[in-house]
C-alpha atoms as a PDB file:
ATOM      1  CA  MET A   1      26.554  -8.522 -80.586  1.00  0.00           C
ATOM      2  CA  ASN A   2      25.589  -4.492 -80.980  1.00  0.00           C
ATOM      3  CA  ILE A   3      22.272  -5.522 -82.161  1.00  0.00           C
ATOM      4  CA  VAL A   4      21.519  -7.979 -79.144  1.00  0.00           C
ATOM      5  CA  PHE A   5      23.462  -5.738 -76.088  1.00  0.00           C
ATOM      6  CA  LYS A   6      21.058  -2.963 -77.652  1.00  0.00           C
ATOM      7  CA  THR A   7      18.220  -5.373 -77.693  1.00  0.00           C
ATOM      8  CA  LEU A   8      18.830  -6.142 -74.031  1.00  0.00           C
ATOM      9  CA  PHE A   9      19.342  -2.529 -72.807  1.00  0.00           C
ATOM     10  CA  PHE A  10      16.016  -1.514 -74.314  1.00  0.00           C
ATOM     11  CA  LEU A  11      14.083  -4.569 -72.891  1.00  0.00           C
ATOM     12  CA  PHE A  12      15.762  -3.783 -69.275  1.00  0.00           C
ATOM     13  CA  LEU A  13      14.576  -0.139 -69.370  1.00  0.00           C
ATOM     14  CA  PHE A  14      11.195  -1.727 -70.036  1.00  0.00           C
ATOM     15  CA  VAL A  15      10.979  -4.096 -67.507  1.00  0.00           C
ATOM     16  CA  ALA A  16      12.757  -1.983 -64.599  1.00  0.00           C
ATOM     17  CA  GLY A  17      10.346   0.954 -66.042  1.00  0.00           C
ATOM     18  CA  LYS A  18       7.326  -1.314 -65.477  1.00  0.00           C
ATOM     19  CA  THR A  19       8.291  -2.794 -62.014  1.00  0.00           C
ATOM     20  CA  SER A  20       7.491  -1.369 -58.569  1.00  0.00           C
ATOM     21  CA  GLY A  21       8.078  -2.243 -54.928  1.00  0.00           C
ATOM     22  CA  GLN A  22       6.195  -1.862 -52.325  1.00  0.00           C
ATOM     23  CA  GLN A  23       7.376  -1.196 -48.747  1.00  0.00           C
ATOM     24  CA  PHE A  24       8.067  -3.730 -45.876  1.00  0.00           C
ATOM     25  CA  VAL A  25       6.279  -3.285 -43.082  1.00  0.00           C
ATOM     26  CA  TYR A  26       7.223  -5.970 -40.001  1.00  0.00           C
ATOM     27  CA  THR A  27       4.017  -7.143 -38.050  1.00  0.00           C
ATOM     28  CA  PRO A  28       5.124  -8.688 -34.641  1.00  0.00           C
ATOM     29  CA  VAL A  29       3.177 -12.411 -34.065  1.00  0.00           C
ATOM     30  CA  ASN A  30       4.223 -12.513 -30.242  1.00  0.00           C
ATOM     31  CA  PRO A  31       1.531 -10.335 -28.278  1.00  0.00           C
ATOM     32  CA  ALA A  32       3.983  -9.697 -25.638  1.00  0.00           C
ATOM     33  CA  PHE A  33       6.087  -7.613 -28.269  1.00  0.00           C
ATOM     34  CA  GLY A  34       2.729  -5.398 -29.874  1.00  0.00           C
ATOM     35  CA  GLY A  35       1.665  -8.381 -31.799  1.00  0.00           C
ATOM     36  CA  ASN A  36      -2.329  -9.228 -31.880  1.00  0.00           C
ATOM     37  CA  PRO A  37      -3.902 -10.314 -28.292  1.00  0.00           C
ATOM     38  CA  TYR A  38      -5.456 -12.921 -29.941  1.00  0.00           C
ATOM     39  CA  ASN A  39      -2.669 -14.666 -31.078  1.00  0.00           C
ATOM     40  CA  TYR A  40      -1.900 -15.590 -27.088  1.00  0.00           C
ATOM     41  CA  SER A  41      -4.163 -18.802 -27.130  1.00  0.00           C
ATOM     42  CA  TRP A  42      -2.713 -20.286 -30.288  1.00  0.00           C
ATOM     43  CA  MET A  43       0.823 -19.821 -28.987  1.00  0.00           C
ATOM     44  CA  LEU A  44       0.241 -21.452 -25.646  1.00  0.00           C
ATOM     45  CA  SER A  45      -1.745 -24.495 -26.832  1.00  0.00           C
ATOM     46  CA  SER A  46       1.095 -24.669 -29.471  1.00  0.00           C
ATOM     47  CA  ALA A  47       4.139 -24.387 -27.140  1.00  0.00           C
ATOM     48  CA  GLN A  48       1.876 -26.073 -24.470  1.00  0.00           C
ATOM     49  CA  ALA A  49       1.655 -29.298 -27.004  1.00  0.00           C
ATOM     50  CA  GLN A  50       5.436 -28.940 -28.114  1.00  0.00           C
ATOM     51  CA  ASN A  51       6.184 -29.334 -24.449  1.00  0.00           C
ATOM     52  CA  ASP A  52       7.383 -33.448 -23.846  1.00  0.00           C
ATOM     53  CA  ILE A  53       8.796 -32.746 -20.520  1.00  0.00           C
ATOM     54  CA  LYS A  54       6.484 -34.171 -17.589  1.00  0.00           C
ATOM     55  CA  THR A  55       6.560 -32.429 -13.921  1.00  0.00           C
ATOM     56  CA  ALA A  56       5.203 -33.539 -10.804  1.00  0.00           C
ATOM     57  CA  SER A  57       2.138 -30.572 -10.968  1.00  0.00           C
ATOM     58  CA  SER A  58       1.216 -31.797 -14.890  1.00  0.00           C
ATOM     59  CA  THR A  59       1.276 -35.056 -13.602  1.00  0.00           C
ATOM     60  CA  PRO A  60      -1.568 -35.098 -10.607  1.00  0.00           C
ATOM     61  CA  THR A  61      -0.270 -37.934  -7.582  1.00  0.00           C
ATOM     62  CA  THR A  62      -3.229 -36.816  -5.065  1.00  0.00           C
ATOM     63  CA  SER A  63      -6.352 -36.225  -5.125  1.00  0.00           C
ATOM     64  CA  THR A  64      -8.094 -32.413  -4.948  1.00  0.00           C
ATOM     65  CA  SER A  65      -9.318 -32.982  -1.411  1.00  0.00           C
ATOM     66  CA  THR A  66      -6.317 -33.679  -0.041  1.00  0.00           C
ATOM     67  CA  ASN A  67      -4.978 -31.031  -2.087  1.00  0.00           C
ATOM     68  CA  THR A  68      -7.412 -28.879  -0.228  1.00  0.00           C
ATOM     69  CA  LEU A  69      -6.623 -30.378   3.350  1.00  0.00           C
ATOM     70  CA  ASN A  70      -2.415 -29.340   2.420  1.00  0.00           C
ATOM     71  CA  ASN A  71      -3.647 -25.840   1.530  1.00  0.00           C
ATOM     72  CA  PHE A  72      -5.507 -25.073   4.447  1.00  0.00           C
ATOM     73  CA  ALA A  73      -2.879 -26.521   7.012  1.00  0.00           C
ATOM     74  CA  GLN A  74      -0.449 -24.362   5.373  1.00  0.00           C
ATOM     75  CA  SER A  75      -2.469 -21.343   5.445  1.00  0.00           C
ATOM     76  CA  LEU A  76      -3.330 -22.324   9.266  1.00  0.00           C
ATOM     77  CA  ASN A  77       0.674 -22.863   9.975  1.00  0.00           C
ATOM     78  CA  GLN A  78       1.371 -19.199   8.140  1.00  0.00           C
ATOM     79  CA  GLN A  79      -1.704 -17.697   9.985  1.00  0.00           C
ATOM     80  CA  ILE A  80      -0.243 -18.689  13.056  1.00  0.00           C
ATOM     81  CA  LEU A  81       3.077 -17.696  12.364  1.00  0.00           C
ATOM     82  CA  SER A  82       2.168 -14.715  11.625  1.00  0.00           C
ATOM     83  CA  ALA A  83       0.688 -13.790  14.577  1.00  0.00           C
ATOM     84  CA  LEU A  84       3.213 -15.450  16.580  1.00  0.00           C
ATOM     85  CA  SER A  85       5.570 -12.651  14.709  1.00  0.00           C
ATOM     86  CA  GLN A  86       3.281  -9.769  15.414  1.00  0.00           C
ATOM     87  CA  GLN A  87       3.180 -11.066  19.097  1.00  0.00           C
ATOM     88  CA  ILE A  88       7.368 -11.182  19.772  1.00  0.00           C
ATOM     89  CA  VAL A  89       7.462  -7.569  18.112  1.00  0.00           C
ATOM     90  CA  ALA A  90       4.723  -6.415  20.090  1.00  0.00           C
ATOM     91  CA  LYS A  91       6.034  -7.644  23.477  1.00  0.00           C
ATOM     92  CA  GLU A  92       9.630  -7.065  22.658  1.00  0.00           C
ATOM     93  CA  PHE A  93       9.362  -3.568  22.219  1.00  0.00           C
ATOM     94  CA  GLY A  94       6.112  -3.736  24.190  1.00  0.00           C
ATOM     95  CA  GLU A  95       6.077  -3.235  28.154  1.00  0.00           C
ATOM     96  CA  ASN A  96       5.819  -7.403  28.905  1.00  0.00           C
ATOM     97  CA  ALA A  97       8.780  -9.150  27.884  1.00  0.00           C
ATOM     98  CA  LEU A  98       8.204 -12.535  25.995  1.00  0.00           C
ATOM     99  CA  THR A  99       8.971 -15.548  27.610  1.00  0.00           C
ATOM    100  CA  ALA A 100      11.644 -17.848  26.563  1.00  0.00           C
ATOM    101  CA  GLY A 101      10.537 -21.632  25.685  1.00  0.00           C
ATOM    102  CA  THR A 102       9.868 -24.280  23.199  1.00  0.00           C
ATOM    103  CA  TYR A 103       6.654 -23.623  20.927  1.00  0.00           C
ATOM    104  CA  THR A 104       5.291 -26.832  18.652  1.00  0.00           C
ATOM    105  CA  LEU A 105       3.729 -25.277  15.539  1.00  0.00           C
ATOM    106  CA  GLY A 106       2.529 -28.327  12.603  1.00  0.00           C
ATOM    107  CA  THR A 107       5.630 -29.215  12.021  1.00  0.00           C
ATOM    108  CA  TYR A 108       7.177 -26.363  12.943  1.00  0.00           C
ATOM    109  CA  GLN A 109       9.870 -26.082  16.331  1.00  0.00           C
ATOM    110  CA  ILE A 110      10.396 -22.603  17.571  1.00  0.00           C
ATOM    111  CA  ASN A 111      12.850 -21.902  20.073  1.00  0.00           C
ATOM    112  CA  ILE A 112      13.098 -18.735  21.923  1.00  0.00           C
ATOM    113  CA  THR A 113      16.110 -18.020  24.242  1.00  0.00           C
ATOM    114  CA  ASN A 114      17.081 -14.843  25.818  1.00  0.00           C
ATOM    115  CA  GLN A 115      20.451 -13.716  24.977  1.00  0.00           C
ATOM    116  CA  THR A 116      23.125 -10.571  25.988  1.00  0.00           C
ATOM    117  CA  SER A 117      22.860  -9.740  22.352  1.00  0.00           C
ATOM    118  CA  GLY A 118      19.154 -10.282  22.702  1.00  0.00           C
ATOM    119  CA  LEU A 119      16.021 -12.271  21.863  1.00  0.00           C
ATOM    120  CA  ASN A 120      17.554 -15.226  19.999  1.00  0.00           C
ATOM    121  CA  ILE A 121      14.471 -17.200  17.756  1.00  0.00           C
ATOM    122  CA  SER A 122      15.177 -20.195  15.756  1.00  0.00           C
ATOM    123  CA  ILE A 123      12.722 -21.929  13.554  1.00  0.00           C
ATOM    124  CA  LEU A 124      13.008 -25.475  12.500  1.00  0.00           C
ATOM    125  CA  ASP A 125      11.153 -27.289   9.907  1.00  0.00           C
ATOM    126  CA  ASN A 126      10.436 -30.620  11.466  1.00  0.00           C
ATOM    127  CA  SER A 127       9.215 -31.989   7.491  1.00  0.00           C
ATOM    128  CA  SER A 128      12.415 -30.789   5.617  1.00  0.00           C
ATOM    129  CA  GLY A 129      15.139 -30.177   8.355  1.00  0.00           C
ATOM    130  CA  ALA A 130      15.790 -26.729   7.330  1.00  0.00           C
ATOM    131  CA  SER A 131      16.299 -24.105  10.154  1.00  0.00           C
ATOM    132  CA  THR A 132      16.193 -20.637  10.421  1.00  0.00           C
ATOM    133  CA  THR A 133      17.590 -18.408  13.185  1.00  0.00           C
ATOM    134  CA  VAL A 134      16.746 -14.842  14.308  1.00  0.00           C
ATOM    135  CA  THR A 135      18.263 -12.257  16.301  1.00  0.00           C
ATOM    136  CA  VAL A 136      15.916  -9.199  17.735  1.00  0.00           C
ATOM    137  CA  PRO A 137      18.525  -6.367  19.840  1.00  0.00           C
ATOM    138  CA  TYR A 138      17.441  -4.995  22.870  1.00  0.00           C
ATOM    139  CA  PHE A 139      17.001  -1.514  22.994  1.00  0.00           C
END
């Protein structure tokens, strides 16, 4: 038993003396966390391949020309509403007061009324039914 113990002890010292380790270095894979930026396209394609949820935007139902026309109409509505808001601010805080009335711009219906607290502007989207009310106080 003593000989076996001594043999195993010297064998352990011999093996332990000859082994060496290396330093562990972590390298991230995701480019968002400092990884290689060339991994981005591979990670994106891998994620898209695993995505089994189909959304309305991933399955086109309308043609490109219809989408372009819708984008144009939406951009035009936004520009008209922006110009109207600039006129409201300029006329309310300028010399000429804004006249009360109802304006229709595309799917938007804008009601402007004078109240004791200030100018009341109600915007109604006829397509979705959403409405917004803004009160501009008198100064």
